[in-house]
Amino acid sequence: MMMFPDEILQRLQRTGIVAGFSVEQTQHAVPLAKALFKGGIDAIELTLRTAAGIDAVRAICAEVPEMLVGVGTILTPETVREVKAAGASFGVAPGMNARVVRAAQEIEFPFAPGIMTPSDLEAAIELGCRFVKFFPAEAAGGISYLRSMSAPYKHLGIQYFPLGGLNAENMLPYLKESNVAAIGGSWIVKQTMVNNEDWDGITTSAANVIKAKNKGFENE
């Protein structure tokens, strides 16, 4: 059965917000990760959408060990093996590809396929997945859609990782759902800030997001 280790799930639940981004230049990876960590975000999803992706993963895992490194846009079995070898703690994908899930199972690499529909979810459940990426969250119908779609499977204890269209204004309803382990925040890291090596700006962005999250839970 494909299960995320409790240690990783609990850490995702504690941080609540995972910064999603890609890296165009490998030398930006480590200072970017350090800037996010300084701002209070200790989990990332580095997407493999550039040639520098795997090298960036390797650099962060080696030089920023305090960061929980997740890798996104894993589309092939070969990439699963490459990502684990680079040192990543977990992987996710935008869609549900059985070959990729099986490859992750074979090497015991925590992996969450992407789902959007009940059929997607059932395909993931059939393969033993209990932690899935809900993508694209807002375009699919947002929190109301997730509640309706997930309801028939609640007894299975599925945990969701919504990403896509989320921001500081709409993140709290997701974070307050008991079946949402964490959300993905691709708005936190602006590419212009990375290009300008504005690490202080990224730290401030991360800190503001964590502050907004904490404020949203203050009265509960």
N, C-alpha and C. Protein backbone atom coordinates (compact mmCIF):
# COMPACT_ATOMS: atom_id res chain seq x y z
N MET A 1 0.85 -1.20 0.00
CA MET A 1 0.00 0.00 0.00
C MET A 1 0.89 1.25 0.00
N MET A 2 0.51 2.23 -0.82
CA MET A 2 1.29 3.47 -0.91
C MET A 2 0.84 4.43 0.19
N MET A 3 1.66 4.55 1.21
CA MET A 3 1.33 5.45 2.31
C MET A 3 2.48 6.41 2.53
N PHE A 4 2.16 7.62 2.88
CA PHE A 4 3.18 8.56 3.29
C PHE A 4 3.58 8.24 4.72
N PRO A 5 4.86 8.28 5.03
CA PRO A 5 5.27 8.08 6.42
C PRO A 5 4.60 9.12 7.32
N ASP A 6 4.23 8.71 8.51
CA ASP A 6 3.58 9.63 9.44
C ASP A 6 4.43 10.86 9.70
N GLU A 7 5.74 10.66 9.74
CA GLU A 7 6.64 11.78 10.02
C GLU A 7 6.49 12.89 8.98
N ILE A 8 6.39 12.51 7.71
CA ILE A 8 6.25 13.51 6.65
C ILE A 8 4.87 14.15 6.69
N LEU A 9 3.83 13.34 6.85
CA LEU A 9 2.48 13.88 6.91
C LEU A 9 2.33 14.85 8.07
N GLN A 10 2.85 14.49 9.22
CA GLN A 10 2.74 15.36 10.39
C GLN A 10 3.49 16.66 10.19
N ARG A 11 4.61 16.57 9.53
CA ARG A 11 5.37 17.81 9.28
C ARG A 11 4.63 18.70 8.29
N LEU A 12 4.03 18.11 7.27
CA LEU A 12 3.23 18.89 6.34
C LEU A 12 2.06 19.54 7.05
N GLN A 13 1.43 18.81 7.95
CA GLN A 13 0.30 19.36 8.70
C GLN A 13 0.74 20.49 9.60
N ARG A 14 1.93 20.39 10.18
CA ARG A 14 2.43 21.45 11.05
C ARG A 14 2.71 22.73 10.27
N THR A 15 3.38 22.60 9.14
CA THR A 15 3.73 23.80 8.37
C THR A 15 2.51 24.35 7.64
N GLY A 16 1.65 23.46 7.14
CA GLY A 16 0.41 23.90 6.51
C GLY A 16 0.56 24.42 5.10
N ILE A 17 1.63 25.12 4.84
CA ILE A 17 1.82 25.78 3.54
C ILE A 17 3.16 25.34 2.94
N VAL A 18 3.08 24.79 1.74
CA VAL A 18 4.26 24.32 1.02
C VAL A 18 4.52 25.28 -0.14
N ALA A 19 5.69 25.85 -0.18
CA ALA A 19 6.02 26.80 -1.25
C ALA A 19 6.35 26.04 -2.53
N GLY A 20 5.60 26.33 -3.58
CA GLY A 20 5.84 25.69 -4.87
C GLY A 20 6.54 26.62 -5.84
N PHE A 21 7.56 26.11 -6.51
CA PHE A 21 8.30 26.96 -7.46
C PHE A 21 9.19 26.08 -8.34
N SER A 22 9.69 26.67 -9.40
CA SER A 22 10.72 26.03 -10.22
C SER A 22 11.95 26.92 -10.20
N VAL A 23 13.08 26.35 -10.56
CA VAL A 23 14.34 27.08 -10.54
C VAL A 23 14.97 27.05 -11.92
N GLU A 24 15.27 28.22 -12.44
CA GLU A 24 15.87 28.31 -13.77
C GLU A 24 17.39 28.26 -13.72
N GLN A 25 17.96 28.68 -12.60
CA GLN A 25 19.41 28.65 -12.43
C GLN A 25 19.74 27.92 -11.12
N THR A 26 20.57 26.91 -11.22
CA THR A 26 20.87 26.09 -10.06
C THR A 26 21.41 26.90 -8.89
N GLN A 27 22.18 27.94 -9.17
CA GLN A 27 22.79 28.72 -8.09
C GLN A 27 21.76 29.47 -7.25
N HIS A 28 20.53 29.56 -7.75
CA HIS A 28 19.48 30.24 -6.98
C HIS A 28 18.80 29.30 -5.98
N ALA A 29 19.00 28.02 -6.14
CA ALA A 29 18.23 27.05 -5.35
C ALA A 29 18.48 27.17 -3.85
N VAL A 30 19.72 27.16 -3.44
CA VAL A 30 20.04 27.16 -2.01
C VAL A 30 19.65 28.48 -1.34
N PRO A 31 20.04 29.64 -1.88
CA PRO A 31 19.61 30.88 -1.21
C PRO A 31 18.09 31.05 -1.18
N LEU A 32 17.40 30.53 -2.18
CA LEU A 32 15.94 30.59 -2.19
C LEU A 32 15.36 29.73 -1.07
N ALA A 33 15.86 28.52 -0.93
CA ALA A 33 15.38 27.64 0.13
C ALA A 33 15.68 28.23 1.51
N LYS A 34 16.85 28.79 1.67
CA LYS A 34 17.21 29.40 2.95
C LYS A 34 16.33 30.60 3.26
N ALA A 35 15.99 31.38 2.22
CA ALA A 35 15.12 32.54 2.42
C ALA A 35 13.73 32.12 2.87
N LEU A 36 13.20 31.06 2.27
CA LEU A 36 11.88 30.56 2.67
C LEU A 36 11.91 30.04 4.10
N PHE A 37 12.95 29.30 4.43
CA PHE A 37 13.07 28.74 5.77
C PHE A 37 13.16 29.85 6.82
N LYS A 38 13.90 30.87 6.51
CA LYS A 38 14.04 32.00 7.42
C LYS A 38 12.69 32.67 7.66
N GLY A 39 11.83 32.64 6.63
CA GLY A 39 10.50 33.24 6.76
C GLY A 39 9.47 32.34 7.41
N GLY A 40 9.85 31.11 7.73
CA GLY A 40 8.95 30.22 8.45
C GLY A 40 8.35 29.10 7.63
N ILE A 41 8.73 28.98 6.38
CA ILE A 41 8.24 27.88 5.55
C ILE A 41 9.34 26.83 5.45
N ASP A 42 9.04 25.63 5.95
CA ASP A 42 10.08 24.59 5.98
C ASP A 42 9.73 23.39 5.12
N ALA A 43 8.86 23.61 4.12
CA ALA A 43 8.53 22.55 3.16
C ALA A 43 8.33 23.16 1.79
N ILE A 44 8.87 22.51 0.77
CA ILE A 44 8.76 23.04 -0.60
C ILE A 44 8.32 21.96 -1.57
N GLU A 45 7.78 22.40 -2.68
CA GLU A 45 7.57 21.54 -3.84
C GLU A 45 8.31 22.19 -5.01
N LEU A 46 9.45 21.66 -5.33
CA LEU A 46 10.25 22.18 -6.44
C LEU A 46 9.82 21.43 -7.70
N THR A 47 9.24 22.13 -8.63
CA THR A 47 8.70 21.48 -9.82
C THR A 47 9.76 21.31 -10.90
N LEU A 48 9.71 20.18 -11.57
CA LEU A 48 10.71 19.85 -12.60
C LEU A 48 10.25 20.37 -13.95
N ARG A 49 10.27 21.68 -14.08
CA ARG A 49 9.83 22.31 -15.33
C ARG A 49 10.97 23.04 -16.04
N THR A 50 12.18 22.89 -15.51
CA THR A 50 13.35 23.52 -16.12
C THR A 50 14.50 22.52 -16.12
N ALA A 51 15.49 22.83 -16.92
CA ALA A 51 16.66 21.95 -17.02
C ALA A 51 17.44 21.90 -15.71
N ALA A 52 17.28 22.93 -14.88
CA ALA A 52 18.03 23.00 -13.63
C ALA A 52 17.35 22.24 -12.49
N GLY A 53 16.19 21.68 -12.72
CA GLY A 53 15.38 21.10 -11.66
C GLY A 53 16.07 20.09 -10.76
N ILE A 54 16.59 19.02 -11.35
CA ILE A 54 17.20 17.96 -10.54
C ILE A 54 18.44 18.46 -9.81
N ASP A 55 19.26 19.25 -10.47
CA ASP A 55 20.45 19.80 -9.80
C ASP A 55 20.04 20.70 -8.64
N ALA A 56 18.94 21.43 -8.79
CA ALA A 56 18.45 22.30 -7.72
C ALA A 56 17.98 21.46 -6.53
N VAL A 57 17.30 20.37 -6.81
CA VAL A 57 16.87 19.46 -5.74
C VAL A 57 18.08 18.93 -5.00
N ARG A 58 19.05 18.47 -5.74
CA ARG A 58 20.25 17.91 -5.14
C ARG A 58 20.97 18.94 -4.25
N ALA A 59 21.05 20.17 -4.72
CA ALA A 59 21.74 21.22 -3.97
C ALA A 59 21.01 21.55 -2.67
N ILE A 60 19.68 21.68 -2.74
CA ILE A 60 18.92 22.01 -1.53
C ILE A 60 19.00 20.88 -0.51
N CYS A 61 18.86 19.65 -0.98
CA CYS A 61 18.93 18.51 -0.05
C CYS A 61 20.28 18.44 0.64
N ALA A 62 21.33 18.80 -0.08
CA ALA A 62 22.68 18.72 0.49
C ALA A 62 23.00 19.89 1.40
N GLU A 63 22.52 21.08 1.05
CA GLU A 63 22.95 22.28 1.76
C GLU A 63 21.92 22.90 2.68
N VAL A 64 20.66 22.48 2.55
CA VAL A 64 19.61 22.99 3.43
C VAL A 64 18.84 21.79 4.00
N PRO A 65 19.50 20.97 4.81
CA PRO A 65 18.90 19.72 5.28
C PRO A 65 17.67 19.93 6.17
N GLU A 66 17.54 21.14 6.72
CA GLU A 66 16.38 21.41 7.57
C GLU A 66 15.09 21.59 6.76
N MET A 67 15.21 21.74 5.45
CA MET A 67 14.04 21.91 4.58
C MET A 67 13.48 20.55 4.16
N LEU A 68 12.15 20.40 4.24
CA LEU A 68 11.48 19.21 3.73
C LEU A 68 11.31 19.40 2.23
N VAL A 69 12.01 18.60 1.45
CA VAL A 69 12.05 18.81 0.00
C VAL A 69 11.11 17.84 -0.72
N GLY A 70 10.07 18.41 -1.30
CA GLY A 70 9.19 17.66 -2.18
C GLY A 70 9.45 18.09 -3.61
N VAL A 71 9.19 17.20 -4.54
CA VAL A 71 9.44 17.49 -5.96
C VAL A 71 8.15 17.27 -6.73
N GLY A 72 7.83 18.24 -7.58
CA GLY A 72 6.60 18.17 -8.36
C GLY A 72 6.85 17.95 -9.84
N THR A 73 5.75 17.71 -10.55
CA THR A 73 5.77 17.45 -11.99
C THR A 73 6.62 16.21 -12.30
N ILE A 74 6.44 15.16 -11.50
CA ILE A 74 7.09 13.88 -11.76
C ILE A 74 6.19 13.09 -12.70
N LEU A 75 6.62 12.92 -13.93
CA LEU A 75 5.75 12.39 -14.98
C LEU A 75 6.14 11.01 -15.49
N THR A 76 7.31 10.52 -15.10
CA THR A 76 7.76 9.22 -15.62
C THR A 76 8.38 8.39 -14.50
N PRO A 77 8.39 7.07 -14.65
CA PRO A 77 9.05 6.21 -13.65
C PRO A 77 10.53 6.54 -13.50
N GLU A 78 11.18 6.89 -14.61
CA GLU A 78 12.60 7.22 -14.56
C GLU A 78 12.85 8.44 -13.66
N THR A 79 11.94 9.40 -13.75
CA THR A 79 12.09 10.61 -12.94
C THR A 79 11.91 10.31 -11.46
N VAL A 80 11.02 9.39 -11.13
CA VAL A 80 10.85 8.98 -9.73
C VAL A 80 12.19 8.53 -9.15
N ARG A 81 12.86 7.67 -9.88
CA ARG A 81 14.14 7.15 -9.39
C ARG A 81 15.19 8.26 -9.30
N GLU A 82 15.18 9.14 -10.27
CA GLU A 82 16.15 10.24 -10.28
C GLU A 82 15.92 11.18 -9.10
N VAL A 83 14.67 11.46 -8.81
CA VAL A 83 14.32 12.37 -7.72
C VAL A 83 14.71 11.77 -6.36
N LYS A 84 14.45 10.49 -6.17
CA LYS A 84 14.84 9.86 -4.91
C LYS A 84 16.36 9.88 -4.75
N ALA A 85 17.06 9.59 -5.84
CA ALA A 85 18.53 9.60 -5.78
C ALA A 85 19.08 10.98 -5.46
N ALA A 86 18.34 12.02 -5.84
CA ALA A 86 18.78 13.39 -5.57
C ALA A 86 18.59 13.78 -4.12
N GLY A 87 17.82 12.96 -3.37
CA GLY A 87 17.66 13.20 -1.94
C GLY A 87 16.32 13.72 -1.50
N ALA A 88 15.36 13.85 -2.42
CA ALA A 88 14.04 14.39 -2.06
C ALA A 88 13.32 13.49 -1.07
N SER A 89 12.46 14.10 -0.25
CA SER A 89 11.70 13.36 0.76
C SER A 89 10.39 12.80 0.22
N PHE A 90 9.81 13.48 -0.78
CA PHE A 90 8.57 13.01 -1.36
C PHE A 90 8.38 13.63 -2.74
N GLY A 91 7.42 13.07 -3.48
CA GLY A 91 7.13 13.59 -4.80
C GLY A 91 5.64 13.69 -5.05
N VAL A 92 5.28 14.55 -6.00
CA VAL A 92 3.88 14.70 -6.40
C VAL A 92 3.83 14.89 -7.91
N ALA A 93 2.62 14.76 -8.44
CA ALA A 93 2.44 14.96 -9.87
C ALA A 93 1.10 15.66 -10.10
N PRO A 94 0.93 16.31 -11.24
CA PRO A 94 -0.35 16.96 -11.53
C PRO A 94 -1.46 15.97 -11.86
N GLY A 95 -1.11 14.77 -12.29
CA GLY A 95 -2.11 13.79 -12.69
C GLY A 95 -1.87 12.42 -12.09
N MET A 96 -2.79 11.51 -12.41
CA MET A 96 -2.74 10.15 -11.85
C MET A 96 -2.21 9.19 -12.92
N ASN A 97 -0.93 8.86 -12.81
CA ASN A 97 -0.27 7.97 -13.76
C ASN A 97 0.12 6.69 -13.01
N ALA A 98 -0.55 5.59 -13.32
CA ALA A 98 -0.34 4.34 -12.59
C ALA A 98 1.11 3.87 -12.67
N ARG A 99 1.76 4.07 -13.81
CA ARG A 99 3.14 3.63 -13.96
C ARG A 99 4.06 4.38 -12.99
N VAL A 100 3.80 5.66 -12.80
CA VAL A 100 4.62 6.45 -11.89
C VAL A 100 4.36 6.03 -10.45
N VAL A 101 3.10 5.81 -10.10
CA VAL A 101 2.78 5.37 -8.74
C VAL A 101 3.45 4.04 -8.43
N ARG A 102 3.38 3.10 -9.36
CA ARG A 102 4.00 1.79 -9.13
C ARG A 102 5.51 1.89 -9.00
N ALA A 103 6.11 2.77 -9.80
CA ALA A 103 7.56 2.95 -9.72
C ALA A 103 7.95 3.49 -8.34
N ALA A 104 7.15 4.43 -7.82
CA ALA A 104 7.42 4.98 -6.50
C ALA A 104 7.26 3.90 -5.43
N GLN A 105 6.26 3.05 -5.59
CA GLN A 105 6.07 1.95 -4.64
C GLN A 105 7.25 1.00 -4.64
N GLU A 106 7.74 0.71 -5.83
CA GLU A 106 8.84 -0.25 -5.95
C GLU A 106 10.09 0.20 -5.21
N ILE A 107 10.34 1.51 -5.20
CA ILE A 107 11.54 2.01 -4.53
C ILE A 107 11.22 2.65 -3.17
N GLU A 108 9.97 2.46 -2.73
CA GLU A 108 9.52 2.97 -1.43
C GLU A 108 9.75 4.47 -1.30
N PHE A 109 9.30 5.19 -2.31
CA PHE A 109 9.42 6.65 -2.33
C PHE A 109 8.04 7.26 -2.13
N PRO A 110 7.82 8.05 -1.08
CA PRO A 110 6.52 8.65 -0.83
C PRO A 110 6.08 9.52 -2.01
N PHE A 111 4.91 9.21 -2.54
CA PHE A 111 4.47 9.89 -3.76
C PHE A 111 2.96 10.12 -3.72
N ALA A 112 2.54 11.32 -4.12
CA ALA A 112 1.13 11.68 -4.17
C ALA A 112 0.75 12.02 -5.61
N PRO A 113 -0.06 11.19 -6.25
CA PRO A 113 -0.53 11.52 -7.60
C PRO A 113 -1.54 12.66 -7.55
N GLY A 114 -1.72 13.32 -8.68
CA GLY A 114 -2.70 14.39 -8.77
C GLY A 114 -4.07 13.84 -9.13
N ILE A 115 -5.09 14.36 -8.46
CA ILE A 115 -6.46 13.95 -8.77
C ILE A 115 -7.35 15.19 -8.88
N MET A 116 -8.42 15.07 -9.67
CA MET A 116 -9.39 16.15 -9.74
C MET A 116 -10.82 15.62 -9.66
N THR A 117 -11.03 14.40 -10.12
CA THR A 117 -12.37 13.83 -10.18
C THR A 117 -12.47 12.59 -9.30
N PRO A 118 -13.70 12.13 -9.01
CA PRO A 118 -13.85 10.87 -8.28
C PRO A 118 -13.17 9.70 -8.99
N SER A 119 -13.22 9.68 -10.30
CA SER A 119 -12.56 8.60 -11.04
C SER A 119 -11.05 8.63 -10.83
N ASP A 120 -10.47 9.83 -10.86
CA ASP A 120 -9.04 9.96 -10.57
C ASP A 120 -8.73 9.43 -9.18
N LEU A 121 -9.56 9.84 -8.23
CA LEU A 121 -9.33 9.44 -6.84
C LEU A 121 -9.45 7.94 -6.67
N GLU A 122 -10.44 7.33 -7.30
CA GLU A 122 -10.60 5.88 -7.17
C GLU A 122 -9.44 5.13 -7.79
N ALA A 123 -8.90 5.67 -8.88
CA ALA A 123 -7.72 5.04 -9.48
C ALA A 123 -6.54 5.09 -8.52
N ALA A 124 -6.40 6.20 -7.82
CA ALA A 124 -5.32 6.35 -6.84
C ALA A 124 -5.55 5.43 -5.65
N ILE A 125 -6.79 5.37 -5.18
CA ILE A 125 -7.12 4.50 -4.05
C ILE A 125 -6.85 3.03 -4.39
N GLU A 126 -7.17 2.65 -5.62
CA GLU A 126 -6.96 1.27 -6.07
C GLU A 126 -5.49 0.88 -5.95
N LEU A 127 -4.61 1.85 -6.13
CA LEU A 127 -3.17 1.58 -6.06
C LEU A 127 -2.62 1.76 -4.64
N GLY A 128 -3.50 2.06 -3.69
CA GLY A 128 -3.06 2.17 -2.31
C GLY A 128 -2.75 3.57 -1.83
N CYS A 129 -2.98 4.58 -2.65
CA CYS A 129 -2.67 5.95 -2.25
C CYS A 129 -3.69 6.46 -1.24
N ARG A 130 -3.20 7.13 -0.21
CA ARG A 130 -4.07 7.74 0.79
C ARG A 130 -3.73 9.22 1.00
N PHE A 131 -2.75 9.69 0.26
CA PHE A 131 -2.41 11.12 0.27
C PHE A 131 -2.29 11.53 -1.19
N VAL A 132 -3.10 12.50 -1.61
CA VAL A 132 -3.16 12.87 -3.02
C VAL A 132 -3.12 14.38 -3.18
N LYS A 133 -2.63 14.79 -4.33
CA LYS A 133 -2.62 16.20 -4.67
C LYS A 133 -3.93 16.54 -5.38
N PHE A 134 -4.64 17.55 -4.89
CA PHE A 134 -5.88 18.00 -5.53
C PHE A 134 -5.52 19.18 -6.43
N PHE A 135 -5.58 18.94 -7.74
CA PHE A 135 -5.09 19.93 -8.70
C PHE A 135 -5.91 19.87 -9.99
N PRO A 136 -6.21 21.05 -10.60
CA PRO A 136 -6.00 22.41 -10.10
C PRO A 136 -7.16 22.83 -9.19
N ALA A 137 -6.87 23.13 -7.97
CA ALA A 137 -7.88 23.29 -6.93
C ALA A 137 -8.96 24.32 -7.25
N GLU A 138 -8.57 25.55 -7.47
CA GLU A 138 -9.57 26.59 -7.68
C GLU A 138 -10.29 26.44 -9.02
N ALA A 139 -9.57 26.08 -10.06
CA ALA A 139 -10.20 25.91 -11.37
C ALA A 139 -11.20 24.76 -11.37
N ALA A 140 -10.96 23.76 -10.51
CA ALA A 140 -11.85 22.61 -10.45
C ALA A 140 -13.15 22.92 -9.72
N GLY A 141 -13.16 23.98 -8.93
CA GLY A 141 -14.37 24.32 -8.18
C GLY A 141 -14.10 24.74 -6.75
N GLY A 142 -12.83 24.76 -6.37
CA GLY A 142 -12.47 25.27 -5.06
C GLY A 142 -12.85 24.37 -3.91
N ILE A 143 -12.94 24.98 -2.74
CA ILE A 143 -13.16 24.24 -1.51
C ILE A 143 -14.53 23.55 -1.51
N SER A 144 -15.55 24.17 -2.09
CA SER A 144 -16.87 23.54 -2.11
C SER A 144 -16.86 22.27 -2.95
N TYR A 145 -16.11 22.30 -4.06
CA TYR A 145 -15.99 21.11 -4.89
C TYR A 145 -15.23 20.02 -4.15
N LEU A 146 -14.14 20.39 -3.49
CA LEU A 146 -13.35 19.39 -2.76
C LEU A 146 -14.20 18.71 -1.69
N ARG A 147 -15.00 19.49 -0.98
CA ARG A 147 -15.86 18.91 0.05
C ARG A 147 -16.84 17.90 -0.54
N SER A 148 -17.46 18.28 -1.65
CA SER A 148 -18.44 17.38 -2.27
C SER A 148 -17.78 16.15 -2.87
N MET A 149 -16.69 16.35 -3.57
CA MET A 149 -16.00 15.26 -4.25
C MET A 149 -15.43 14.25 -3.26
N SER A 150 -14.91 14.75 -2.13
CA SER A 150 -14.24 13.87 -1.18
C SER A 150 -15.19 13.17 -0.22
N ALA A 151 -16.41 13.66 -0.11
CA ALA A 151 -17.35 13.15 0.90
C ALA A 151 -17.56 11.62 0.85
N PRO A 152 -17.77 11.02 -0.33
CA PRO A 152 -18.01 9.57 -0.36
C PRO A 152 -16.82 8.72 0.09
N TYR A 153 -15.64 9.35 0.18
CA TYR A 153 -14.43 8.60 0.51
C TYR A 153 -13.88 8.96 1.90
N LYS A 154 -14.67 9.72 2.65
CA LYS A 154 -14.19 10.22 3.94
C LYS A 154 -13.78 9.09 4.87
N HIS A 155 -14.52 7.99 4.82
CA HIS A 155 -14.25 6.87 5.74
C HIS A 155 -12.91 6.20 5.47
N LEU A 156 -12.29 6.51 4.32
CA LEU A 156 -11.00 5.92 3.97
C LEU A 156 -9.82 6.72 4.51
N GLY A 157 -10.10 7.88 5.05
CA GLY A 157 -9.04 8.68 5.65
C GLY A 157 -8.09 9.32 4.65
N ILE A 158 -8.60 9.63 3.46
CA ILE A 158 -7.76 10.26 2.44
C ILE A 158 -7.38 11.67 2.89
N GLN A 159 -6.11 12.02 2.70
CA GLN A 159 -5.63 13.37 2.97
C GLN A 159 -5.29 14.04 1.65
N TYR A 160 -5.60 15.34 1.56
CA TYR A 160 -5.46 16.07 0.31
C TYR A 160 -4.42 17.19 0.42
N PHE A 161 -3.80 17.46 -0.71
CA PHE A 161 -2.80 18.52 -0.84
C PHE A 161 -3.24 19.42 -2.00
N PRO A 162 -4.10 20.40 -1.73
CA PRO A 162 -4.61 21.26 -2.80
C PRO A 162 -3.55 22.24 -3.31
N LEU A 163 -3.56 22.42 -4.61
CA LEU A 163 -2.66 23.39 -5.24
C LEU A 163 -3.28 23.84 -6.55
N GLY A 164 -3.09 25.10 -6.87
CA GLY A 164 -3.59 25.65 -8.12
C GLY A 164 -4.60 26.75 -7.87
N GLY A 165 -4.16 28.00 -8.03
CA GLY A 165 -5.05 29.14 -7.84
C GLY A 165 -5.21 29.58 -6.40
N LEU A 166 -4.45 28.98 -5.48
CA LEU A 166 -4.56 29.36 -4.08
C LEU A 166 -3.71 30.59 -3.80
N ASN A 167 -4.13 31.35 -2.79
CA ASN A 167 -3.41 32.54 -2.40
C ASN A 167 -3.75 32.88 -0.95
N ALA A 168 -3.19 33.96 -0.46
CA ALA A 168 -3.39 34.33 0.94
C ALA A 168 -4.84 34.64 1.26
N GLU A 169 -5.62 35.02 0.24
CA GLU A 169 -7.01 35.39 0.46
C GLU A 169 -7.94 34.18 0.53
N ASN A 170 -7.60 33.10 -0.13
CA ASN A 170 -8.52 31.94 -0.16
C ASN A 170 -7.96 30.69 0.50
N MET A 171 -6.80 30.77 1.13
CA MET A 171 -6.16 29.56 1.66
C MET A 171 -6.79 29.03 2.95
N LEU A 172 -7.34 29.90 3.78
CA LEU A 172 -7.79 29.48 5.10
C LEU A 172 -8.89 28.43 5.08
N PRO A 173 -9.92 28.54 4.23
CA PRO A 173 -10.93 27.49 4.21
C PRO A 173 -10.35 26.11 3.91
N TYR A 174 -9.35 26.06 3.06
CA TYR A 174 -8.69 24.78 2.78
C TYR A 174 -7.95 24.28 4.02
N LEU A 175 -7.18 25.17 4.64
CA LEU A 175 -6.36 24.77 5.78
C LEU A 175 -7.20 24.32 6.97
N LYS A 176 -8.44 24.77 7.03
CA LYS A 176 -9.31 24.41 8.15
C LYS A 176 -10.07 23.11 7.92
N GLU A 177 -9.91 22.52 6.73
CA GLU A 177 -10.54 21.23 6.46
C GLU A 177 -9.73 20.12 7.13
N SER A 178 -10.39 19.23 7.81
CA SER A 178 -9.68 18.18 8.54
C SER A 178 -8.95 17.20 7.62
N ASN A 179 -9.40 17.11 6.35
CA ASN A 179 -8.76 16.17 5.43
C ASN A 179 -7.73 16.84 4.52
N VAL A 180 -7.39 18.08 4.79
CA VAL A 180 -6.34 18.78 4.04
C VAL A 180 -5.09 18.82 4.90
N ALA A 181 -4.06 18.11 4.47
CA ALA A 181 -2.81 18.07 5.23
C ALA A 181 -2.05 19.39 5.11
N ALA A 182 -2.02 19.93 3.90
CA ALA A 182 -1.31 21.18 3.63
C ALA A 182 -1.77 21.68 2.27
N ILE A 183 -1.46 22.93 1.98
CA ILE A 183 -1.76 23.48 0.67
C ILE A 183 -0.46 23.87 -0.02
N GLY A 184 -0.51 23.95 -1.34
CA GLY A 184 0.65 24.40 -2.10
C GLY A 184 0.50 25.85 -2.48
N GLY A 185 1.53 26.64 -2.23
CA GLY A 185 1.48 28.07 -2.51
C GLY A 185 2.47 28.48 -3.57
N SER A 186 2.02 28.52 -4.81
CA SER A 186 2.93 28.94 -5.89
C SER A 186 3.02 30.46 -6.00
N TRP A 187 2.19 31.18 -5.25
CA TRP A 187 2.22 32.64 -5.31
C TRP A 187 3.31 33.23 -4.40
N ILE A 188 3.86 32.42 -3.52
CA ILE A 188 4.79 32.94 -2.51
C ILE A 188 6.12 33.37 -3.13
N VAL A 189 6.60 32.60 -4.09
CA VAL A 189 7.88 32.89 -4.73
C VAL A 189 7.63 33.48 -6.11
N LYS A 190 7.85 34.77 -6.25
CA LYS A 190 7.70 35.44 -7.53
C LYS A 190 9.00 35.28 -8.34
N GLN A 191 8.86 34.93 -9.61
CA GLN A 191 10.04 34.70 -10.43
C GLN A 191 10.90 35.95 -10.54
N THR A 192 10.27 37.12 -10.56
CA THR A 192 11.06 38.36 -10.64
C THR A 192 11.94 38.53 -9.41
N MET A 193 11.45 38.12 -8.26
CA MET A 193 12.25 38.22 -7.04
C MET A 193 13.45 37.27 -7.11
N VAL A 194 13.22 36.08 -7.66
CA VAL A 194 14.32 35.13 -7.81
C VAL A 194 15.35 35.68 -8.80
N ASN A 195 14.87 36.18 -9.93
CA ASN A 195 15.77 36.73 -10.95
C ASN A 195 16.62 37.87 -10.39
N ASN A 196 16.01 38.66 -9.50
CA ASN A 196 16.72 39.79 -8.90
C ASN A 196 17.48 39.41 -7.64
N GLU A 197 17.43 38.11 -7.29
CA GLU A 197 18.08 37.59 -6.08
C GLU A 197 17.64 38.38 -4.85
N ASP A 198 16.35 38.64 -4.79
CA ASP A 198 15.76 39.37 -3.67
C ASP A 198 15.36 38.38 -2.58
N TRP A 199 16.37 37.85 -1.91
CA TRP A 199 16.12 36.82 -0.91
C TRP A 199 15.40 37.37 0.31
N ASP A 200 15.71 38.62 0.68
CA ASP A 200 15.01 39.24 1.80
C ASP A 200 13.52 39.40 1.47
N GLY A 201 13.23 39.74 0.22
CA GLY A 201 11.84 39.89 -0.19
C GLY A 201 11.10 38.57 -0.11
N ILE A 202 11.76 37.49 -0.47
CA ILE A 202 11.13 36.17 -0.39
C ILE A 202 10.93 35.76 1.06
N THR A 203 11.88 36.08 1.92
CA THR A 203 11.71 35.82 3.35
C THR A 203 10.50 36.56 3.89
N THR A 204 10.35 37.81 3.50
CA THR A 204 9.20 38.61 3.94
C THR A 204 7.90 38.03 3.42
N SER A 205 7.91 37.60 2.16
CA SER A 205 6.72 36.99 1.57
C SER A 205 6.31 35.74 2.34
N ALA A 206 7.28 34.91 2.66
CA ALA A 206 6.99 33.69 3.42
C ALA A 206 6.47 34.02 4.81
N ALA A 207 7.11 34.98 5.46
CA ALA A 207 6.70 35.35 6.81
C ALA A 207 5.29 35.92 6.83
N ASN A 208 4.93 36.68 5.81
CA ASN A 208 3.59 37.25 5.74
C ASN A 208 2.53 36.16 5.58
N VAL A 209 2.86 35.15 4.79
CA VAL A 209 1.92 34.04 4.59
C VAL A 209 1.72 33.26 5.89
N ILE A 210 2.80 32.98 6.58
CA ILE A 210 2.69 32.26 7.86
C ILE A 210 1.93 33.10 8.88
N LYS A 211 2.18 34.39 8.88
CA LYS A 211 1.47 35.29 9.80
C LYS A 211 -0.03 35.27 9.52
N ALA A 212 -0.39 35.31 8.24
CA ALA A 212 -1.81 35.29 7.86
C ALA A 212 -2.46 33.97 8.27
N LYS A 213 -1.73 32.88 8.09
CA LYS A 213 -2.25 31.57 8.49
C LYS A 213 -2.48 31.53 10.00
N ASN A 214 -1.49 31.94 10.76
CA ASN A 214 -1.60 31.89 12.21
C ASN A 214 -2.73 32.79 12.72
N LYS A 215 -2.87 33.95 12.11
CA LYS A 215 -3.93 34.88 12.51
C LYS A 215 -5.29 34.27 12.26
N GLY A 216 -5.42 33.52 11.17
CA GLY A 216 -6.68 32.89 10.82
C GLY A 216 -7.12 31.83 11.79
N PHE A 217 -6.16 31.28 12.55
CA PHE A 217 -6.46 30.23 13.51
C PHE A 217 -6.47 30.73 14.97
N GLU A 218 -6.19 32.00 15.15
CA GLU A 218 -6.05 32.54 16.50
C GLU A 218 -7.28 32.35 17.36
N ASN A 219 -8.45 32.55 16.77
CA ASN A 219 -9.69 32.51 17.54
C ASN A 219 -10.37 31.16 17.58
N GLU A 220 -9.62 30.11 17.24
CA GLU A 220 -10.22 28.78 17.21
C GLU A 220 -9.69 27.91 18.35
